[in-house]
Amino acid sequence: MKANPKAKAEAKPEAAAPVAGSKKKLLIMIGAAVLVLGLAGGGAAWYFLHKSGDQTEESAPKKEVAPPEYVAIEPFTVNLQPEDGEQYLQLAFTLQVGGLEQVELIKKNMPKVRSRILLLLSSKHASEINTPEGKQQLSTEIMQTLKQPFTAGEPEQDVSEVLFTSFIIQ
């Protein structure tokens, strides 16, 4: 018995058809799986990210921030430390404080405030405070000086910023 060569040739196209159909089904199944996994992963990510954001909003108590209060300080005119002859500083500024109690505390202790600032300003050289960096440093020093309690054992004053309104060196 001899095998018929035509039978072999005919068997190959029939065998190729199921393979092509299998590959097509496999690609469709893989595509569907990727689509389902992508949608499930995206949905899960949205759910958990959205849920964690809601929890932080609910669990964290909302702290009401009061608007800042300001205290204008009367201008100072002081002699600066001599460098190239006599130099003067004329300075006016406003303090940003934490609330109305702080406003009243600073106003009540204005002689101490002015004394502290006068001593600080009169210890400066014009070259120290003439640059933007020097002015920023002076602002920080004023804030630190005014945060110190007016009375021993009292808490620090809540001074959060020094805002210069006039700054003249002659």
N, C-alpha and C. Protein backbone atom coordinates (compact mmCIF):
# COMPACT_ATOMS: atom_id res chain seq x y z
N MET A 1 0.80 -1.14 0.00
CA MET A 1 0.00 0.00 0.00
C MET A 1 0.86 1.24 0.00
N LYS A 2 0.62 1.97 -0.99
CA LYS A 2 1.33 3.22 -1.16
C LYS A 2 0.43 4.37 -0.78
N ALA A 3 1.04 5.33 -0.20
CA ALA A 3 0.27 6.51 0.19
C ALA A 3 0.04 7.38 -1.00
N ASN A 4 -1.08 7.91 -1.07
CA ASN A 4 -1.46 8.76 -2.18
C ASN A 4 -0.89 10.16 -1.92
N PRO A 5 -0.01 10.69 -2.84
CA PRO A 5 0.57 12.01 -2.63
C PRO A 5 -0.49 13.10 -2.63
N LYS A 6 -1.54 12.96 -3.34
CA LYS A 6 -2.59 13.97 -3.36
C LYS A 6 -3.30 14.04 -2.02
N ALA A 7 -3.42 12.90 -1.36
CA ALA A 7 -4.09 12.87 -0.08
C ALA A 7 -3.30 13.67 0.96
N LYS A 8 -1.95 13.55 0.86
CA LYS A 8 -1.11 14.33 1.79
C LYS A 8 -1.24 15.81 1.51
N ALA A 9 -1.26 16.16 0.25
CA ALA A 9 -1.35 17.56 -0.12
C ALA A 9 -2.69 18.14 0.32
N GLU A 10 -3.74 17.36 0.23
CA GLU A 10 -5.05 17.85 0.62
C GLU A 10 -5.17 17.95 2.14
N ALA A 11 -4.48 17.09 2.86
CA ALA A 11 -4.57 17.08 4.32
C ALA A 11 -3.94 18.34 4.92
N LYS A 12 -2.91 18.84 4.29
CA LYS A 12 -2.24 20.02 4.83
C LYS A 12 -3.13 21.26 4.84
N PRO A 13 -3.85 21.59 3.77
CA PRO A 13 -4.72 22.75 3.85
C PRO A 13 -5.80 22.59 4.91
N GLU A 14 -6.32 21.41 5.07
CA GLU A 14 -7.34 21.21 6.09
C GLU A 14 -6.75 21.39 7.48
N ALA A 15 -5.51 20.92 7.67
CA ALA A 15 -4.86 21.06 8.96
C ALA A 15 -4.52 22.53 9.24
N ALA A 16 -4.17 23.30 8.23
CA ALA A 16 -3.82 24.70 8.38
C ALA A 16 -5.05 25.52 8.78
N ALA A 17 -6.20 25.17 8.31
CA ALA A 17 -7.41 25.92 8.62
C ALA A 17 -7.72 25.89 10.11
N PRO A 18 -7.67 24.71 10.76
CA PRO A 18 -7.93 24.72 12.19
C PRO A 18 -6.85 25.48 12.96
N VAL A 19 -5.58 25.45 12.53
CA VAL A 19 -4.52 26.16 13.22
C VAL A 19 -4.76 27.67 13.13
N ALA A 20 -5.13 28.16 11.94
CA ALA A 20 -5.41 29.57 11.76
C ALA A 20 -6.60 29.98 12.61
N GLY A 21 -7.60 29.17 12.67
CA GLY A 21 -8.76 29.44 13.48
C GLY A 21 -8.40 29.43 14.96
N SER A 22 -7.52 28.53 15.38
CA SER A 22 -7.09 28.45 16.77
C SER A 22 -6.29 29.69 17.15
N LYS A 23 -5.41 30.15 16.25
CA LYS A 23 -4.62 31.35 16.52
C LYS A 23 -5.53 32.57 16.66
N LYS A 24 -6.54 32.64 15.81
CA LYS A 24 -7.47 33.76 15.85
C LYS A 24 -8.25 33.76 17.16
N LYS A 25 -8.72 32.58 17.57
CA LYS A 25 -9.44 32.46 18.84
C LYS A 25 -8.54 32.81 20.01
N LEU A 26 -7.27 32.35 19.94
CA LEU A 26 -6.31 32.62 21.01
C LEU A 26 -6.06 34.12 21.13
N LEU A 27 -5.87 34.80 20.00
CA LEU A 27 -5.65 36.25 20.02
C LEU A 27 -6.86 36.99 20.58
N ILE A 28 -8.06 36.54 20.23
CA ILE A 28 -9.28 37.17 20.74
C ILE A 28 -9.39 36.96 22.24
N MET A 29 -9.06 35.76 22.71
CA MET A 29 -9.13 35.47 24.14
C MET A 29 -8.09 36.29 24.91
N ILE A 30 -6.87 36.39 24.36
CA ILE A 30 -5.82 37.19 25.02
C ILE A 30 -6.22 38.66 25.06
N GLY A 31 -6.74 39.15 23.94
CA GLY A 31 -7.19 40.54 23.89
C GLY A 31 -8.29 40.81 24.89
N ALA A 32 -9.25 39.89 24.98
CA ALA A 32 -10.35 40.05 25.94
C ALA A 32 -9.82 40.02 27.37
N ALA A 33 -8.87 39.13 27.66
CA ALA A 33 -8.30 39.03 29.00
C ALA A 33 -7.56 40.32 29.36
N VAL A 34 -6.77 40.84 28.43
CA VAL A 34 -6.05 42.09 28.68
C VAL A 34 -7.04 43.23 28.93
N LEU A 35 -8.09 43.28 28.15
CA LEU A 35 -9.10 44.32 28.32
C LEU A 35 -9.78 44.21 29.69
N VAL A 36 -10.16 43.00 30.08
CA VAL A 36 -10.82 42.80 31.37
C VAL A 36 -9.86 43.16 32.51
N LEU A 37 -8.61 42.69 32.43
CA LEU A 37 -7.63 43.00 33.48
C LEU A 37 -7.35 44.50 33.55
N GLY A 38 -7.25 45.14 32.40
CA GLY A 38 -7.01 46.58 32.37
C GLY A 38 -8.15 47.35 33.01
N LEU A 39 -9.39 46.98 32.66
CA LEU A 39 -10.54 47.65 33.26
C LEU A 39 -10.62 47.37 34.76
N ALA A 40 -10.37 46.13 35.14
CA ALA A 40 -10.43 45.79 36.57
C ALA A 40 -9.33 46.53 37.34
N GLY A 41 -8.13 46.57 36.79
CA GLY A 41 -7.03 47.27 37.45
C GLY A 41 -7.28 48.76 37.55
N GLY A 42 -7.78 49.36 36.47
CA GLY A 42 -8.10 50.79 36.48
C GLY A 42 -9.21 51.10 37.46
N GLY A 43 -10.24 50.24 37.47
CA GLY A 43 -11.34 50.44 38.42
C GLY A 43 -10.88 50.31 39.86
N ALA A 44 -10.03 49.31 40.11
CA ALA A 44 -9.52 49.12 41.47
C ALA A 44 -8.66 50.31 41.89
N ALA A 45 -7.81 50.79 40.98
CA ALA A 45 -6.96 51.93 41.30
C ALA A 45 -7.81 53.17 41.61
N TRP A 46 -8.82 53.41 40.80
CA TRP A 46 -9.70 54.56 41.04
C TRP A 46 -10.39 54.42 42.39
N TYR A 47 -10.90 53.21 42.67
CA TYR A 47 -11.63 52.97 43.92
C TYR A 47 -10.74 53.23 45.13
N PHE A 48 -9.53 52.66 45.13
CA PHE A 48 -8.66 52.79 46.30
C PHE A 48 -8.09 54.20 46.44
N LEU A 49 -7.74 54.83 45.33
CA LEU A 49 -7.23 56.20 45.41
C LEU A 49 -8.34 57.16 45.84
N HIS A 50 -9.51 56.96 45.31
CA HIS A 50 -10.62 57.83 45.67
C HIS A 50 -11.05 57.58 47.11
N LYS A 51 -11.04 56.34 47.53
CA LYS A 51 -11.44 55.99 48.88
C LYS A 51 -10.44 56.53 49.89
N SER A 52 -9.12 56.41 49.62
CA SER A 52 -8.12 56.91 50.58
C SER A 52 -8.18 58.42 50.68
N GLY A 53 -8.50 59.12 49.59
CA GLY A 53 -8.64 60.57 49.64
C GLY A 53 -9.84 60.97 50.48
N ASP A 54 -10.95 60.21 50.37
CA ASP A 54 -12.13 60.51 51.17
C ASP A 54 -11.86 60.28 52.64
N GLN A 55 -11.10 59.24 52.97
CA GLN A 55 -10.81 58.94 54.37
C GLN A 55 -9.97 60.03 55.00
N THR A 56 -8.98 60.55 54.27
CA THR A 56 -8.13 61.59 54.86
C THR A 56 -8.94 62.86 55.08
N GLU A 57 -9.87 63.14 54.19
CA GLU A 57 -10.69 64.33 54.38
C GLU A 57 -11.61 64.18 55.58
N GLU A 58 -12.17 62.96 55.75
CA GLU A 58 -13.10 62.75 56.84
C GLU A 58 -12.37 62.59 58.17
N SER A 59 -11.23 61.88 58.16
CA SER A 59 -10.56 61.59 59.42
C SER A 59 -9.80 62.80 59.96
N ALA A 60 -9.31 63.65 59.09
CA ALA A 60 -8.57 64.82 59.56
C ALA A 60 -9.56 65.92 59.91
N PRO A 61 -9.56 66.34 61.16
CA PRO A 61 -10.49 67.43 61.51
C PRO A 61 -10.05 68.71 60.81
N LYS A 62 -11.03 69.39 60.29
CA LYS A 62 -10.72 70.63 59.57
C LYS A 62 -10.43 71.72 60.59
N LYS A 63 -9.21 72.24 60.50
CA LYS A 63 -8.78 73.29 61.41
C LYS A 63 -9.11 74.63 60.78
N GLU A 64 -9.89 75.38 61.48
CA GLU A 64 -10.25 76.69 60.96
C GLU A 64 -9.08 77.64 61.18
N VAL A 65 -8.64 78.22 60.11
CA VAL A 65 -7.52 79.15 60.18
C VAL A 65 -8.08 80.56 60.23
N ALA A 66 -7.77 81.22 61.31
CA ALA A 66 -8.25 82.59 61.46
C ALA A 66 -7.42 83.50 60.57
N PRO A 67 -8.02 84.53 60.04
CA PRO A 67 -7.24 85.46 59.22
C PRO A 67 -6.19 86.13 60.10
N PRO A 68 -5.04 86.44 59.53
CA PRO A 68 -3.98 87.06 60.34
C PRO A 68 -4.39 88.45 60.80
N GLU A 69 -3.82 88.82 61.92
CA GLU A 69 -4.03 90.16 62.47
C GLU A 69 -2.71 90.92 62.32
N TYR A 70 -2.80 92.23 62.19
CA TYR A 70 -1.62 93.06 61.99
C TYR A 70 -1.55 94.14 63.05
N VAL A 71 -0.31 94.44 63.46
CA VAL A 71 -0.06 95.51 64.43
C VAL A 71 0.96 96.45 63.80
N ALA A 72 0.55 97.67 63.53
CA ALA A 72 1.48 98.66 62.97
C ALA A 72 2.33 99.23 64.11
N ILE A 73 3.63 99.27 63.89
CA ILE A 73 4.56 99.81 64.88
C ILE A 73 4.98 101.19 64.40
N GLU A 74 4.99 102.16 65.31
CA GLU A 74 5.38 103.53 64.94
C GLU A 74 6.82 103.53 64.43
N PRO A 75 7.15 104.44 63.51
CA PRO A 75 8.49 104.45 62.91
C PRO A 75 9.60 104.68 63.95
N PHE A 76 10.76 104.12 63.63
CA PHE A 76 11.98 104.30 64.43
C PHE A 76 12.96 105.13 63.63
N THR A 77 13.70 105.97 64.30
CA THR A 77 14.86 106.63 63.72
C THR A 77 16.00 106.39 64.69
N VAL A 78 17.03 105.67 64.22
CA VAL A 78 18.14 105.31 65.10
C VAL A 78 19.47 105.59 64.43
N ASN A 79 20.49 105.84 65.27
CA ASN A 79 21.86 105.93 64.78
C ASN A 79 22.37 104.50 64.57
N LEU A 80 22.97 104.27 63.41
CA LEU A 80 23.58 102.97 63.16
C LEU A 80 25.02 102.99 63.65
N GLN A 81 25.62 101.84 63.79
CA GLN A 81 27.03 101.76 64.18
C GLN A 81 27.87 102.45 63.10
N PRO A 82 28.83 103.29 63.50
CA PRO A 82 29.59 104.07 62.52
C PRO A 82 30.49 103.18 61.65
N GLU A 83 30.51 103.52 60.35
CA GLU A 83 31.42 102.90 59.40
C GLU A 83 32.19 104.00 58.68
N ASP A 84 31.47 104.80 57.90
CA ASP A 84 32.06 105.92 57.17
C ASP A 84 31.39 107.21 57.61
N GLY A 85 31.40 107.47 58.87
CA GLY A 85 30.71 108.65 59.40
C GLY A 85 29.37 108.23 59.99
N GLU A 86 28.62 109.22 60.38
CA GLU A 86 27.32 108.99 61.01
C GLU A 86 26.30 108.53 59.96
N GLN A 87 25.55 107.50 60.30
CA GLN A 87 24.46 107.04 59.44
C GLN A 87 23.24 106.76 60.31
N TYR A 88 22.08 107.00 59.72
CA TYR A 88 20.81 106.85 60.43
C TYR A 88 19.93 105.85 59.68
N LEU A 89 19.09 105.20 60.43
CA LEU A 89 18.09 104.31 59.86
C LEU A 89 16.72 104.80 60.29
N GLN A 90 15.86 105.01 59.31
CA GLN A 90 14.46 105.31 59.59
C GLN A 90 13.68 104.09 59.11
N LEU A 91 12.97 103.47 60.05
CA LEU A 91 12.33 102.20 59.76
C LEU A 91 10.90 102.19 60.31
N ALA A 92 9.98 101.74 59.48
CA ALA A 92 8.60 101.51 59.92
C ALA A 92 8.22 100.11 59.46
N PHE A 93 7.49 99.40 60.31
CA PHE A 93 7.08 98.04 59.94
C PHE A 93 5.78 97.68 60.63
N THR A 94 5.21 96.59 60.16
CA THR A 94 3.97 96.04 60.70
C THR A 94 4.24 94.59 61.06
N LEU A 95 3.68 94.15 62.18
CA LEU A 95 3.83 92.77 62.62
C LEU A 95 2.58 91.97 62.25
N GLN A 96 2.79 90.77 61.77
CA GLN A 96 1.67 89.84 61.57
C GLN A 96 1.67 88.90 62.77
N VAL A 97 0.53 88.85 63.46
CA VAL A 97 0.43 88.05 64.69
C VAL A 97 -0.73 87.06 64.56
N GLY A 98 -0.79 86.14 65.52
CA GLY A 98 -1.73 85.02 65.44
C GLY A 98 -3.16 85.27 65.85
N GLY A 99 -3.52 86.41 66.32
CA GLY A 99 -4.91 86.63 66.70
C GLY A 99 -5.08 87.93 67.47
N LEU A 100 -6.31 88.19 67.83
CA LEU A 100 -6.62 89.43 68.53
C LEU A 100 -5.97 89.50 69.92
N GLU A 101 -5.82 88.32 70.58
CA GLU A 101 -5.16 88.33 71.89
C GLU A 101 -3.72 88.80 71.75
N GLN A 102 -3.07 88.37 70.67
CA GLN A 102 -1.68 88.77 70.44
C GLN A 102 -1.59 90.26 70.13
N VAL A 103 -2.56 90.78 69.40
CA VAL A 103 -2.59 92.22 69.11
C VAL A 103 -2.65 92.99 70.42
N GLU A 104 -3.54 92.59 71.29
CA GLU A 104 -3.70 93.28 72.58
C GLU A 104 -2.45 93.13 73.44
N LEU A 105 -1.84 91.95 73.44
CA LEU A 105 -0.63 91.72 74.23
C LEU A 105 0.51 92.62 73.75
N ILE A 106 0.67 92.75 72.45
CA ILE A 106 1.75 93.59 71.91
C ILE A 106 1.47 95.06 72.20
N LYS A 107 0.24 95.49 72.02
CA LYS A 107 -0.09 96.89 72.30
C LYS A 107 0.10 97.20 73.79
N LYS A 108 -0.27 96.28 74.64
CA LYS A 108 -0.14 96.48 76.09
C LYS A 108 1.33 96.58 76.50
N ASN A 109 2.21 95.90 75.77
CA ASN A 109 3.64 95.88 76.09
C ASN A 109 4.46 96.69 75.09
N MET A 110 3.87 97.70 74.48
CA MET A 110 4.55 98.49 73.45
C MET A 110 5.86 99.12 73.94
N PRO A 111 5.99 99.59 75.17
CA PRO A 111 7.29 100.12 75.61
C PRO A 111 8.40 99.05 75.54
N LYS A 112 8.08 97.82 75.91
CA LYS A 112 9.07 96.74 75.81
C LYS A 112 9.38 96.41 74.36
N VAL A 113 8.36 96.42 73.53
CA VAL A 113 8.55 96.16 72.09
C VAL A 113 9.50 97.20 71.51
N ARG A 114 9.22 98.46 71.75
CA ARG A 114 10.05 99.53 71.19
C ARG A 114 11.47 99.48 71.74
N SER A 115 11.63 99.19 73.02
CA SER A 115 12.97 99.11 73.61
C SER A 115 13.78 97.98 72.98
N ARG A 116 13.17 96.83 72.83
CA ARG A 116 13.88 95.69 72.23
C ARG A 116 14.31 95.99 70.80
N ILE A 117 13.40 96.60 70.04
CA ILE A 117 13.71 96.92 68.64
C ILE A 117 14.78 98.01 68.56
N LEU A 118 14.69 99.01 69.40
CA LEU A 118 15.68 100.09 69.41
C LEU A 118 17.08 99.55 69.69
N LEU A 119 17.19 98.67 70.68
CA LEU A 119 18.50 98.08 70.99
C LEU A 119 19.03 97.25 69.83
N LEU A 120 18.15 96.50 69.18
CA LEU A 120 18.57 95.67 68.04
C LEU A 120 19.02 96.54 66.87
N LEU A 121 18.21 97.53 66.51
CA LEU A 121 18.53 98.37 65.35
C LEU A 121 19.80 99.18 65.55
N SER A 122 20.00 99.71 66.75
CA SER A 122 21.18 100.56 66.99
C SER A 122 22.48 99.75 67.04
N SER A 123 22.39 98.43 67.05
CA SER A 123 23.59 97.59 67.04
C SER A 123 24.03 97.23 65.63
N LYS A 124 23.32 97.68 64.61
CA LYS A 124 23.59 97.30 63.22
C LYS A 124 24.46 98.31 62.50
N HIS A 125 25.20 97.80 61.51
CA HIS A 125 25.95 98.64 60.56
C HIS A 125 25.10 98.78 59.30
N ALA A 126 25.23 99.89 58.61
CA ALA A 126 24.46 100.12 57.39
C ALA A 126 24.76 99.04 56.35
N SER A 127 26.01 98.60 56.25
CA SER A 127 26.38 97.60 55.25
C SER A 127 25.72 96.25 55.53
N GLU A 128 25.37 95.97 56.79
CA GLU A 128 24.71 94.70 57.14
C GLU A 128 23.28 94.64 56.64
N ILE A 129 22.59 95.76 56.66
CA ILE A 129 21.15 95.76 56.40
C ILE A 129 20.77 96.45 55.09
N ASN A 130 21.75 96.83 54.30
CA ASN A 130 21.48 97.57 53.07
C ASN A 130 21.08 96.65 51.91
N THR A 131 21.39 95.36 51.98
CA THR A 131 21.08 94.41 50.90
C THR A 131 19.73 93.74 51.17
N PRO A 132 19.12 93.16 50.16
CA PRO A 132 17.88 92.40 50.39
C PRO A 132 18.07 91.26 51.41
N GLU A 133 19.21 90.59 51.34
CA GLU A 133 19.48 89.52 52.29
C GLU A 133 19.61 90.08 53.71
N GLY A 134 20.25 91.24 53.83
CA GLY A 134 20.40 91.89 55.12
C GLY A 134 19.06 92.31 55.71
N LYS A 135 18.17 92.79 54.85
CA LYS A 135 16.84 93.17 55.32
C LYS A 135 16.06 91.93 55.77
N GLN A 136 16.21 90.84 55.03
CA GLN A 136 15.53 89.60 55.42
C GLN A 136 16.07 89.09 56.76
N GLN A 137 17.38 89.19 56.95
CA GLN A 137 17.99 88.78 58.21
C GLN A 137 17.51 89.67 59.36
N LEU A 138 17.41 90.97 59.11
CA LEU A 138 16.91 91.89 60.12
C LEU A 138 15.46 91.56 60.48
N SER A 139 14.66 91.23 59.49
CA SER A 139 13.27 90.84 59.72
C SER A 139 13.21 89.61 60.64
N THR A 140 14.06 88.63 60.38
CA THR A 140 14.10 87.42 61.21
C THR A 140 14.54 87.75 62.62
N GLU A 141 15.53 88.63 62.77
CA GLU A 141 16.01 89.00 64.10
C GLU A 141 14.94 89.77 64.89
N ILE A 142 14.20 90.64 64.21
CA ILE A 142 13.11 91.37 64.88
C ILE A 142 12.06 90.38 65.36
N MET A 143 11.71 89.43 64.49
CA MET A 143 10.70 88.45 64.86
C MET A 143 11.16 87.62 66.06
N GLN A 144 12.41 87.18 66.06
CA GLN A 144 12.92 86.39 67.19
C GLN A 144 12.94 87.22 68.47
N THR A 145 13.31 88.49 68.36
CA THR A 145 13.34 89.37 69.53
C THR A 145 11.95 89.56 70.12
N LEU A 146 10.96 89.71 69.25
CA LEU A 146 9.61 89.98 69.74
C LEU A 146 8.87 88.71 70.17
N LYS A 147 9.35 87.56 69.78
CA LYS A 147 8.72 86.31 70.23
C LYS A 147 9.05 86.00 71.69
N GLN A 148 10.14 86.55 72.18
CA GLN A 148 10.53 86.28 73.57
C GLN A 148 9.44 86.81 74.50
N PRO A 149 9.08 86.01 75.51
CA PRO A 149 8.00 86.43 76.42
C PRO A 149 8.30 87.78 77.09
N PHE A 150 7.26 88.56 77.28
CA PHE A 150 7.41 89.85 77.95
C PHE A 150 7.60 89.67 79.45
N THR A 151 7.04 88.59 79.98
CA THR A 151 7.14 88.29 81.40
C THR A 151 7.68 86.87 81.55
N ALA A 152 8.59 86.67 82.50
CA ALA A 152 9.17 85.34 82.71
C ALA A 152 8.07 84.32 83.01
N GLY A 153 8.19 83.16 82.39
CA GLY A 153 7.21 82.10 82.61
C GLY A 153 6.02 82.15 81.68
N GLU A 154 5.86 83.20 80.92
CA GLU A 154 4.75 83.32 79.97
C GLU A 154 5.13 82.62 78.66
N PRO A 155 4.15 82.24 77.85
CA PRO A 155 4.47 81.65 76.53
C PRO A 155 4.99 82.72 75.57
N GLU A 156 5.64 82.25 74.50
CA GLU A 156 6.15 83.18 73.48
C GLU A 156 5.00 83.88 72.78
N GLN A 157 5.29 85.08 72.28
CA GLN A 157 4.31 85.78 71.46
C GLN A 157 4.23 85.07 70.11
N ASP A 158 3.07 85.14 69.49
CA ASP A 158 2.86 84.52 68.18
C ASP A 158 3.05 85.56 67.09
N VAL A 159 4.31 85.86 66.79
CA VAL A 159 4.66 86.81 65.73
C VAL A 159 5.13 85.97 64.55
N SER A 160 4.40 86.04 63.42
CA SER A 160 4.73 85.18 62.29
C SER A 160 5.44 85.89 61.15
N GLU A 161 5.39 87.22 61.13
CA GLU A 161 6.06 87.93 60.03
C GLU A 161 6.28 89.39 60.40
N VAL A 162 7.38 89.94 59.87
CA VAL A 162 7.68 91.38 60.00
C VAL A 162 7.62 91.95 58.60
N LEU A 163 6.75 92.91 58.40
CA LEU A 163 6.54 93.51 57.07
C LEU A 163 7.03 94.96 57.10
N PHE A 164 8.12 95.21 56.38
CA PHE A 164 8.66 96.57 56.35
C PHE A 164 7.76 97.46 55.49
N THR A 165 7.44 98.63 56.03
CA THR A 165 6.64 99.60 55.26
C THR A 165 7.47 100.83 54.88
N SER A 166 8.60 101.03 55.54
CA SER A 166 9.52 102.11 55.19
C SER A 166 10.91 101.70 55.68
N PHE A 167 11.91 101.93 54.84
CA PHE A 167 13.27 101.51 55.17
C PHE A 167 14.24 102.50 54.51
N ILE A 168 14.74 103.45 55.28
CA ILE A 168 15.62 104.50 54.72
C ILE A 168 16.90 104.57 55.53
N ILE A 169 18.03 104.48 54.83
CA ILE A 169 19.34 104.65 55.46
C ILE A 169 19.93 105.94 54.90
N GLN A 170 20.38 106.84 55.81
CA GLN A 170 21.03 108.10 55.37
C GLN A 170 22.37 108.20 56.01
